[in-house]
All heavy atoms as atom14 arrays in JSON, in Angstrom:
{
  "sequence": "RTERITRASAIDHEIETYNELLPDGNELSCTLMIEIAEKEPRER",
  "atom14_mask": [
    [1, 1, 1, 1, 1, 1, 1, 1, 1, 1, 1, 0, 0, 0],
    [1, 1, 1, 1, 1, 1, 1, 0, 0, 0, 0, 0, 0, 0],
    [1, 1, 1, 1, 1, 1, 1, 1, 1, 0, 0, 0, 0, 0],
    [1, 1, 1, 1, 1, 1, 1, 1, 1, 1, 1, 0, 0, 0],
    [1, 1, 1, 1, 1, 1, 1, 1, 0, 0, 0, 0, 0, 0],
    [1, 1, 1, 1, 1, 1, 1, 0, 0, 0, 0, 0, 0, 0],
    [1, 1, 1, 1, 1, 1, 1, 1, 1, 1, 1, 0, 0, 0],
    [1, 1, 1, 1, 1, 0, 0, 0, 0, 0, 0, 0, 0, 0],
    [1, 1, 1, 1, 1, 1, 0, 0, 0, 0, 0, 0, 0, 0],
    [1, 1, 1, 1, 1, 0, 0, 0, 0, 0, 0, 0, 0, 0],
    [1, 1, 1, 1, 1, 1, 1, 1, 0, 0, 0, 0, 0, 0],
    [1, 1, 1, 1, 1, 1, 1, 1, 0, 0, 0, 0, 0, 0],
    [1, 1, 1, 1, 1, 1, 1, 1, 1, 1, 0, 0, 0, 0],
    [1, 1, 1, 1, 1, 1, 1, 1, 1, 0, 0, 0, 0, 0],
    [1, 1, 1, 1, 1, 1, 1, 1, 0, 0, 0, 0, 0, 0],
    [1, 1, 1, 1, 1, 1, 1, 1, 1, 0, 0, 0, 0, 0],
    [1, 1, 1, 1, 1, 1, 1, 0, 0, 0, 0, 0, 0, 0],
    [1, 1, 1, 1, 1, 1, 1, 1, 1, 1, 1, 1, 0, 0],
    [1, 1, 1, 1, 1, 1, 1, 1, 0, 0, 0, 0, 0, 0],
    [1, 1, 1, 1, 1, 1, 1, 1, 1, 0, 0, 0, 0, 0],
    [1, 1, 1, 1, 1, 1, 1, 1, 0, 0, 0, 0, 0, 0],
    [1, 1, 1, 1, 1, 1, 1, 1, 0, 0, 0, 0, 0, 0],
    [1, 1, 1, 1, 1, 1, 1, 0, 0, 0, 0, 0, 0, 0],
    [1, 1, 1, 1, 1, 1, 1, 1, 0, 0, 0, 0, 0, 0],
    [1, 1, 1, 1, 0, 0, 0, 0, 0, 0, 0, 0, 0, 0],
    [1, 1, 1, 1, 1, 1, 1, 1, 0, 0, 0, 0, 0, 0],
    [1, 1, 1, 1, 1, 1, 1, 1, 1, 0, 0, 0, 0, 0],
    [1, 1, 1, 1, 1, 1, 1, 1, 0, 0, 0, 0, 0, 0],
    [1, 1, 1, 1, 1, 1, 0, 0, 0, 0, 0, 0, 0, 0],
    [1, 1, 1, 1, 1, 1, 0, 0, 0, 0, 0, 0, 0, 0],
    [1, 1, 1, 1, 1, 1, 1, 0, 0, 0, 0, 0, 0, 0],
    [1, 1, 1, 1, 1, 1, 1, 1, 0, 0, 0, 0, 0, 0],
    [1, 1, 1, 1, 1, 1, 1, 1, 0, 0, 0, 0, 0, 0],
    [1, 1, 1, 1, 1, 1, 1, 1, 0, 0, 0, 0, 0, 0],
    [1, 1, 1, 1, 1, 1, 1, 1, 1, 0, 0, 0, 0, 0],
    [1, 1, 1, 1, 1, 1, 1, 1, 0, 0, 0, 0, 0, 0],
    [1, 1, 1, 1, 1, 0, 0, 0, 0, 0, 0, 0, 0, 0],
    [1, 1, 1, 1, 1, 1, 1, 1, 1, 0, 0, 0, 0, 0],
    [1, 1, 1, 1, 1, 1, 1, 1, 1, 0, 0, 0, 0, 0],
    [1, 1, 1, 1, 1, 1, 1, 1, 1, 0, 0, 0, 0, 0],
    [1, 1, 1, 1, 1, 1, 1, 0, 0, 0, 0, 0, 0, 0],
    [1, 1, 1, 1, 1, 1, 1, 1, 1, 1, 1, 0, 0, 0],
    [1, 1, 1, 1, 1, 1, 1, 1, 1, 0, 0, 0, 0, 0],
    [1, 1, 1, 1, 1, 1, 1, 1, 1, 1, 1, 0, 0, 0]
  ],
  "atom14_positions": [
    [[14.77, -10.2, 12.71], [15.22, -10.72, 14.0], [14.59, -9.92, 15.17], [14.08, -10.5, 16.1], [16.75, -10.62, 14.09], [17.31, -11.06, 15.39], [18.83, -10.89, 15.37], [19.44, -11.41, 16.59], [19.65, -10.7, 17.7], [19.28, -9.43, 17.73], [20.23, -11.23, 18.76], [0.0, 0.0, 0.0], [0.0, 0.0, 0.0], [0.0, 0.0, 0.0]],
    [[14.59, -8.61, 15.07], [14.08, -7.75, 16.13], [12.59, -7.96, 16.31], [12.06, -8.05, 17.47], [14.38, -6.24, 15.84], [15.76, -6.09, 15.73], [13.85, -5.34, 16.92], [0.0, 0.0, 0.0], [0.0, 0.0, 0.0], [0.0, 0.0, 0.0], [0.0, 0.0, 0.0], [0.0, 0.0, 0.0], [0.0, 0.0, 0.0], [0.0, 0.0, 0.0]],
    [[11.88, -8.0, 15.24], [10.39, -8.08, 15.25], [9.92, -9.56, 15.28], [8.72, -9.8, 15.36], [9.75, -7.37, 14.07], [10.11, -5.9, 13.97], [9.52, -5.09, 15.11], [8.46, -5.49, 15.6], [10.11, -4.05, 15.47], [0.0, 0.0, 0.0], [0.0, 0.0, 0.0], [0.0, 0.0, 0.0], [0.0, 0.0, 0.0], [0.0, 0.0, 0.0]],
    [[10.83, -10.49, 15.24], [10.54, -11.96, 15.21], [9.52, -12.26, 14.1], [8.52, -12.95, 14.27], [10.0, -12.41, 16.56], [10.76, -12.0, 17.81], [12.25, -12.35, 17.75], [12.53, -13.75, 17.75], [13.72, -14.24, 17.56], [14.8, -13.43, 17.3], [13.96, -15.56, 17.58], [0.0, 0.0, 0.0], [0.0, 0.0, 0.0], [0.0, 0.0, 0.0]],
    [[9.81, -11.8, 12.92], [9.0, -11.94, 11.77], [9.31, -13.28, 11.1], [10.4, -13.55, 10.7], [9.13, -10.79, 10.77], [8.7, -9.47, 11.41], [8.35, -11.07, 9.48], [8.96, -8.25, 10.61], [0.0, 0.0, 0.0], [0.0, 0.0, 0.0], [0.0, 0.0, 0.0], [0.0, 0.0, 0.0], [0.0, 0.0, 0.0], [0.0, 0.0, 0.0]],
    [[8.27, -14.15, 10.98], [8.52, -15.45, 10.31], [7.45, -15.77, 9.25], [7.66, -16.66, 8.42], [8.44, -16.58, 11.36], [7.2, -16.5, 12.06], [9.57, -16.48, 12.37], [0.0, 0.0, 0.0], [0.0, 0.0, 0.0], [0.0, 0.0, 0.0], [0.0, 0.0, 0.0], [0.0, 0.0, 0.0], [0.0, 0.0, 0.0], [0.0, 0.0, 0.0]],
    [[6.35, -15.01, 9.23], [5.27, -15.27, 8.24], [5.81, -14.85, 6.88], [6.36, -13.78, 6.63], [4.05, -14.44, 8.62], [2.77, -14.91, 7.92], [1.51, -14.39, 8.65], [1.74, -13.1, 9.28], [1.47, -11.94, 8.72], [1.01, -11.9, 7.48], [1.66, -10.82, 9.39], [0.0, 0.0, 0.0], [0.0, 0.0, 0.0], [0.0, 0.0, 0.0]],
    [[5.56, -15.68, 5.85], [6.14, -15.46, 4.5], [5.67, -14.1, 3.94], [6.51, -13.37, 3.39], [5.71, -16.59, 3.55], [0.0, 0.0, 0.0], [0.0, 0.0, 0.0], [0.0, 0.0, 0.0], [0.0, 0.0, 0.0], [0.0, 0.0, 0.0], [0.0, 0.0, 0.0], [0.0, 0.0, 0.0], [0.0, 0.0, 0.0], [0.0, 0.0, 0.0]],
    [[4.44, -13.76, 4.07], [3.93, -12.48, 3.51], [4.6, -11.31, 4.16], [4.89, -10.27, 3.54], [2.44, -12.41, 3.59], [2.0, -12.46, 4.95], [0.0, 0.0, 0.0], [0.0, 0.0, 0.0], [0.0, 0.0, 0.0], [0.0, 0.0, 0.0], [0.0, 0.0, 0.0], [0.0, 0.0, 0.0], [0.0, 0.0, 0.0], [0.0, 0.0, 0.0]],
    [[4.84, -11.38, 5.5], [5.49, -10.31, 6.23], [6.93, -10.19, 5.84], [7.44, -9.04, 5.71], [5.32, -10.53, 7.75], [0.0, 0.0, 0.0], [0.0, 0.0, 0.0], [0.0, 0.0, 0.0], [0.0, 0.0, 0.0], [0.0, 0.0, 0.0], [0.0, 0.0, 0.0], [0.0, 0.0, 0.0], [0.0, 0.0, 0.0], [0.0, 0.0, 0.0]],
    [[7.6, -11.32, 5.64], [8.97, -11.27, 5.15], [9.05, -10.63, 3.75], [9.9, -9.75, 3.52], [9.61, -12.66, 5.13], [9.73, -13.25, 6.52], [10.95, -12.69, 4.39], [10.12, -14.72, 6.63], [0.0, 0.0, 0.0], [0.0, 0.0, 0.0], [0.0, 0.0, 0.0], [0.0, 0.0, 0.0], [0.0, 0.0, 0.0], [0.0, 0.0, 0.0]],
    [[8.15, -11.02, 2.91], [8.1, -10.39, 1.55], [7.9, -8.93, 1.61], [8.46, -8.15, 0.82], [6.98, -11.06, 0.71], [7.33, -12.5, 0.33], [8.55, -12.88, 0.4], [6.43, -13.28, -0.05], [0.0, 0.0, 0.0], [0.0, 0.0, 0.0], [0.0, 0.0, 0.0], [0.0, 0.0, 0.0], [0.0, 0.0, 0.0], [0.0, 0.0, 0.0]],
    [[7.04, -8.48, 2.56], [6.8, -7.04, 2.7], [8.1, -6.31, 3.1], [8.38, -5.2, 2.53], [5.7, -6.83, 3.7], [5.49, -5.34, 4.06], [4.87, -4.49, 3.16], [5.82, -4.62, 5.15], [4.86, -3.26, 3.71], [5.42, -3.32, 4.91], [0.0, 0.0, 0.0], [0.0, 0.0, 0.0], [0.0, 0.0, 0.0], [0.0, 0.0, 0.0]],
    [[8.82, -6.84, 4.03], [10.1, -6.23, 4.45], [11.06, -6.15, 3.32], [11.76, -5.14, 3.12], [10.69, -6.96, 5.61], [9.89, -6.92, 6.9], [9.62, -5.55, 7.46], [10.54, -4.66, 7.31], [8.56, -5.27, 8.0], [0.0, 0.0, 0.0], [0.0, 0.0, 0.0], [0.0, 0.0, 0.0], [0.0, 0.0, 0.0], [0.0, 0.0, 0.0]],
    [[11.18, -7.25, 2.54], [12.09, -7.26, 1.38], [11.71, -6.18, 0.4], [12.54, -5.43, -0.08], [12.05, -8.67, 0.74], [12.62, -9.69, 1.66], [12.88, -8.61, -0.61], [12.44, -11.12, 1.15], [0.0, 0.0, 0.0], [0.0, 0.0, 0.0], [0.0, 0.0, 0.0], [0.0, 0.0, 0.0], [0.0, 0.0, 0.0], [0.0, 0.0, 0.0]],
    [[10.42, -6.09, 0.1], [9.94, -5.09, -0.89], [10.19, -3.69, -0.32], [10.67, -2.77, -1.09], [8.46, -5.26, -1.1], [7.85, -4.3, -2.08], [6.32, -4.49, -2.25], [5.79, -5.52, -1.77], [5.73, -3.62, -2.9], [0.0, 0.0, 0.0], [0.0, 0.0, 0.0], [0.0, 0.0, 0.0], [0.0, 0.0, 0.0], [0.0, 0.0, 0.0]],
    [[9.98, -3.45, 0.95], [10.16, -2.14, 1.53], [11.62, -1.72, 1.47], [11.99, -0.59, 1.02], [9.68, -2.1, 2.98], [8.3, -2.4, 3.05], [9.96, -0.73, 3.64], [0.0, 0.0, 0.0], [0.0, 0.0, 0.0], [0.0, 0.0, 0.0], [0.0, 0.0, 0.0], [0.0, 0.0, 0.0], [0.0, 0.0, 0.0], [0.0, 0.0, 0.0]],
    [[12.54, -2.6, 1.89], [13.94, -2.21, 1.92], [14.61, -2.24, 0.56], [15.61, -1.53, 0.37], [14.7, -3.17, 2.93], [14.48, -2.76, 4.35], [13.53, -3.37, 5.14], [15.2, -1.71, 4.91], [13.3, -3.02, 6.43], [14.98, -1.31, 6.18], [14.03, -1.94, 6.97], [13.82, -1.53, 8.26], [0.0, 0.0, 0.0], [0.0, 0.0, 0.0]],
    [[14.05, -3.01, -0.37], [14.6, -2.97, -1.76], [14.5, -1.59, -2.36], [15.25, -1.23, -3.31], [13.93, -4.0, -2.66], [14.66, -5.34, -2.68], [15.9, -5.39, -2.44], [13.97, -6.41, -2.97], [0.0, 0.0, 0.0], [0.0, 0.0, 0.0], [0.0, 0.0, 0.0], [0.0, 0.0, 0.0], [0.0, 0.0, 0.0], [0.0, 0.0, 0.0]],
    [[13.54, -0.76, -1.89], [13.41, 0.63, -2.38], [14.71, 1.41, -2.14], [14.98, 2.43, -2.83], [12.26, 1.32, -1.72], [10.9, 0.77, -2.1], [9.79, 1.54, -1.41], [10.01, 2.7, -0.93], [8.69, 1.0, -1.34], [0.0, 0.0, 0.0], [0.0, 0.0, 0.0], [0.0, 0.0, 0.0], [0.0, 0.0, 0.0], [0.0, 0.0, 0.0]],
    [[15.51, 1.02, -1.14], [16.75, 1.74, -0.83], [17.84, 1.44, -1.82], [18.85, 2.17, -1.89], [17.21, 1.39, 0.57], [16.28, 1.66, 1.74], [16.94, 1.34, 3.06], [15.86, 3.13, 1.74], [0.0, 0.0, 0.0], [0.0, 0.0, 0.0], [0.0, 0.0, 0.0], [0.0, 0.0, 0.0], [0.0, 0.0, 0.0], [0.0, 0.0, 0.0]],
    [[17.72, 0.39, -2.6], [18.8, 0.01, -3.56], [18.74, 0.95, -4.77], [17.7, 1.25, -5.31], [18.63, -1.45, -3.99], [18.97, -2.46, -2.96], [18.61, -3.89, -3.47], [20.39, -2.42, -2.59], [0.0, 0.0, 0.0], [0.0, 0.0, 0.0], [0.0, 0.0, 0.0], [0.0, 0.0, 0.0], [0.0, 0.0, 0.0], [0.0, 0.0, 0.0]],
    [[19.89, 1.42, -5.18], [19.93, 2.26, -6.36], [19.69, 1.47, -7.65], [20.01, 0.31, -7.76], [21.36, 2.85, -6.35], [22.15, 1.83, -5.58], [21.25, 1.23, -4.6], [0.0, 0.0, 0.0], [0.0, 0.0, 0.0], [0.0, 0.0, 0.0], [0.0, 0.0, 0.0], [0.0, 0.0, 0.0], [0.0, 0.0, 0.0], [0.0, 0.0, 0.0]],
    [[19.09, 2.15, -8.64], [18.88, 1.54, -9.99], [19.85, 2.21, -10.99], [20.08, 3.42, -10.92], [17.45, 1.83, -10.47], [16.39, 1.12, -9.67], [16.66, -0.01, -9.23], [15.31, 1.69, -9.45], [0.0, 0.0, 0.0], [0.0, 0.0, 0.0], [0.0, 0.0, 0.0], [0.0, 0.0, 0.0], [0.0, 0.0, 0.0], [0.0, 0.0, 0.0]],
    [[20.41, 1.43, -11.83], [21.24, 1.9, -12.92], [22.2, 2.98, -12.51], [23.04, 2.8, -11.64], [0.0, 0.0, 0.0], [0.0, 0.0, 0.0], [0.0, 0.0, 0.0], [0.0, 0.0, 0.0], [0.0, 0.0, 0.0], [0.0, 0.0, 0.0], [0.0, 0.0, 0.0], [0.0, 0.0, 0.0], [0.0, 0.0, 0.0], [0.0, 0.0, 0.0]],
    [[22.11, 4.16, -13.16], [23.04, 5.29, -12.85], [22.47, 6.05, -11.7], [22.11, 7.25, -11.85], [23.2, 6.13, -14.09], [23.95, 5.47, -15.19], [24.71, 4.57, -14.95], [23.8, 5.92, -16.42], [0.0, 0.0, 0.0], [0.0, 0.0, 0.0], [0.0, 0.0, 0.0], [0.0, 0.0, 0.0], [0.0, 0.0, 0.0], [0.0, 0.0, 0.0]],
    [[22.48, 5.46, -10.53], [21.88, 6.07, -9.35], [22.66, 5.69, -8.09], [23.26, 4.6, -8.06], [20.45, 5.53, -9.26], [19.49, 6.29, -8.37], [18.11, 5.72, -8.45], [17.9, 4.49, -8.19], [17.19, 6.47, -8.81], [0.0, 0.0, 0.0], [0.0, 0.0, 0.0], [0.0, 0.0, 0.0], [0.0, 0.0, 0.0], [0.0, 0.0, 0.0]],
    [[22.7, 6.59, -7.14], [23.24, 6.25, -5.8], [22.16, 6.48, -4.81], [21.21, 7.24, -5.03], [24.45, 7.16, -5.5], [25.66, 7.04, -6.43], [26.68, 8.13, -6.13], [26.3, 5.67, -6.27], [0.0, 0.0, 0.0], [0.0, 0.0, 0.0], [0.0, 0.0, 0.0], [0.0, 0.0, 0.0], [0.0, 0.0, 0.0], [0.0, 0.0, 0.0]],
    [[22.3, 5.8, -3.69], [21.23, 5.8, -2.65], [21.89, 5.95, -1.3], [22.93, 5.34, -1.0], [20.43, 4.52, -2.73], [19.5, 4.45, -1.73], [0.0, 0.0, 0.0], [0.0, 0.0, 0.0], [0.0, 0.0, 0.0], [0.0, 0.0, 0.0], [0.0, 0.0, 0.0], [0.0, 0.0, 0.0], [0.0, 0.0, 0.0], [0.0, 0.0, 0.0]],
    [[21.26, 6.74, -0.41], [21.84, 6.85, 0.91], [20.7, 7.02, 1.94], [19.6, 7.46, 1.65], [22.81, 8.02, 1.04], [22.12, 9.65, 1.13], [0.0, 0.0, 0.0], [0.0, 0.0, 0.0], [0.0, 0.0, 0.0], [0.0, 0.0, 0.0], [0.0, 0.0, 0.0], [0.0, 0.0, 0.0], [0.0, 0.0, 0.0], [0.0, 0.0, 0.0]],
    [[21.03, 6.71, 3.14], [20.18, 7.0, 4.31], [20.84, 8.12, 5.06], [22.0, 8.03, 5.5], [20.03, 5.74, 5.23], [19.46, 4.69, 4.51], [19.18, 6.07, 6.46], [0.0, 0.0, 0.0], [0.0, 0.0, 0.0], [0.0, 0.0, 0.0], [0.0, 0.0, 0.0], [0.0, 0.0, 0.0], [0.0, 0.0, 0.0], [0.0, 0.0, 0.0]],
    [[20.11, 9.22, 5.27], [20.69, 10.38, 5.94], [20.03, 10.51, 7.32], [18.82, 10.39, 7.41], [20.42, 11.65, 5.07], [20.93, 12.94, 5.6], [21.44, 13.83, 4.44], [19.9, 13.7, 6.43], [0.0, 0.0, 0.0], [0.0, 0.0, 0.0], [0.0, 0.0, 0.0], [0.0, 0.0, 0.0], [0.0, 0.0, 0.0], [0.0, 0.0, 0.0]],
    [[20.83, 10.72, 8.33], [20.35, 10.72, 9.69], [20.66, 12.07, 10.39], [21.83, 12.48, 10.34], [20.96, 9.57, 10.5], [20.5, 8.27, 9.95], [21.74, 6.94, 10.2], [22.91, 7.31, 8.89], [0.0, 0.0, 0.0], [0.0, 0.0, 0.0], [0.0, 0.0, 0.0], [0.0, 0.0, 0.0], [0.0, 0.0, 0.0], [0.0, 0.0, 0.0]],
    [[19.65, 12.68, 10.99], [19.87, 13.84, 11.87], [20.11, 13.29, 13.24], [19.28, 12.6, 13.82], [18.67, 14.74, 11.8], [18.5, 15.31, 10.34], [18.78, 15.89, 12.82], [17.24, 16.08, 10.05], [0.0, 0.0, 0.0], [0.0, 0.0, 0.0], [0.0, 0.0, 0.0], [0.0, 0.0, 0.0], [0.0, 0.0, 0.0], [0.0, 0.0, 0.0]],
    [[21.25, 13.6, 13.79], [21.71, 12.99, 15.04], [21.95, 14.01, 16.12], [23.01, 14.61, 16.27], [23.0, 12.21, 14.81], [22.84, 11.11, 13.74], [24.2, 10.6, 13.22], [25.11, 11.4, 13.02], [24.28, 9.36, 12.99], [0.0, 0.0, 0.0], [0.0, 0.0, 0.0], [0.0, 0.0, 0.0], [0.0, 0.0, 0.0], [0.0, 0.0, 0.0]],
    [[20.89, 14.28, 16.87], [20.95, 15.21, 18.02], [20.4, 14.37, 19.21], [19.23, 13.99, 19.26], [20.05, 16.46, 17.77], [20.52, 17.22, 16.51], [20.1, 17.42, 19.01], [19.65, 18.33, 16.07], [0.0, 0.0, 0.0], [0.0, 0.0, 0.0], [0.0, 0.0, 0.0], [0.0, 0.0, 0.0], [0.0, 0.0, 0.0], [0.0, 0.0, 0.0]],
    [[21.27, 14.16, 20.18], [20.93, 13.21, 21.27], [19.83, 13.75, 22.2], [18.94, 12.93, 22.54], [22.22, 12.97, 22.06], [0.0, 0.0, 0.0], [0.0, 0.0, 0.0], [0.0, 0.0, 0.0], [0.0, 0.0, 0.0], [0.0, 0.0, 0.0], [0.0, 0.0, 0.0], [0.0, 0.0, 0.0], [0.0, 0.0, 0.0], [0.0, 0.0, 0.0]],
    [[19.84, 14.99, 22.56], [18.89, 15.48, 23.5], [17.57, 15.77, 22.83], [17.49, 16.4, 21.78], [19.42, 16.7, 24.22], [20.65, 16.45, 25.07], [21.18, 17.67, 25.76], [20.46, 18.65, 25.8], [22.31, 17.62, 26.27], [0.0, 0.0, 0.0], [0.0, 0.0, 0.0], [0.0, 0.0, 0.0], [0.0, 0.0, 0.0], [0.0, 0.0, 0.0]],
    [[16.45, 15.38, 23.5], [15.13, 15.43, 22.88], [14.69, 16.85, 22.56], [14.23, 17.11, 21.42], [14.11, 14.77, 23.81], [12.72, 14.74, 23.16], [11.72, 14.03, 24.07], [10.34, 14.01, 23.42], [9.33, 13.34, 24.25], [0.0, 0.0, 0.0], [0.0, 0.0, 0.0], [0.0, 0.0, 0.0], [0.0, 0.0, 0.0], [0.0, 0.0, 0.0]],
    [[14.81, 17.77, 23.46], [14.28, 19.1, 23.24], [15.01, 19.85, 22.06], [14.35, 20.36, 21.15], [14.39, 19.94, 24.49], [13.48, 21.16, 24.51], [13.44, 21.83, 25.86], [13.06, 21.17, 26.87], [13.73, 23.03, 25.88], [0.0, 0.0, 0.0], [0.0, 0.0, 0.0], [0.0, 0.0, 0.0], [0.0, 0.0, 0.0], [0.0, 0.0, 0.0]],
    [[16.35, 19.87, 22.06], [17.02, 20.5, 20.88], [16.7, 19.73, 19.55], [16.63, 20.36, 18.51], [18.52, 20.35, 21.21], [18.58, 20.17, 22.7], [17.29, 19.47, 23.11], [0.0, 0.0, 0.0], [0.0, 0.0, 0.0], [0.0, 0.0, 0.0], [0.0, 0.0, 0.0], [0.0, 0.0, 0.0], [0.0, 0.0, 0.0], [0.0, 0.0, 0.0]],
    [[16.61, 18.4, 19.68], [16.27, 17.62, 18.44], [14.88, 18.0, 17.9], [14.72, 18.28, 16.71], [16.3, 16.14, 18.71], [16.01, 15.3, 17.5], [16.19, 13.8, 17.75], [15.23, 13.34, 18.74], [15.53, 12.89, 19.91], [16.81, 12.89, 20.39], [14.57, 12.41, 20.78], [0.0, 0.0, 0.0], [0.0, 0.0, 0.0], [0.0, 0.0, 0.0]],
    [[13.89, 18.07, 18.77], [12.57, 18.4, 18.33], [12.51, 19.82, 17.8], [11.84, 20.07, 16.75], [11.57, 18.27, 19.48], [11.35, 16.81, 19.99], [10.79, 15.98, 18.83], [9.81, 16.4, 18.19], [11.34, 14.9, 18.56], [0.0, 0.0, 0.0], [0.0, 0.0, 0.0], [0.0, 0.0, 0.0], [0.0, 0.0, 0.0], [0.0, 0.0, 0.0]],
    [[13.22, 20.73, 18.39], [13.24, 22.14, 17.91], [13.86, 22.17, 16.5], [13.33, 22.83, 15.59], [14.06, 23.02, 18.85], [14.09, 24.48, 18.44], [14.66, 25.36, 19.57], [16.02, 24.98, 19.94], [16.32, 24.43, 21.09], [15.41, 24.18, 22.0], [17.62, 24.12, 21.32], [0.0, 0.0, 0.0], [0.0, 0.0, 0.0], [0.0, 0.0, 0.0]]
  ]
}
């Protein structure tokens, strides 16, 4: 939606990329985020 992607090959690429986040079998998966609002402390 954000990138207005409609081409089939580009959609397939996004599906393949994000499917990597799904866990397999006896596995868990997470996205970990470092959340520091101010740019200078975050970069440091």
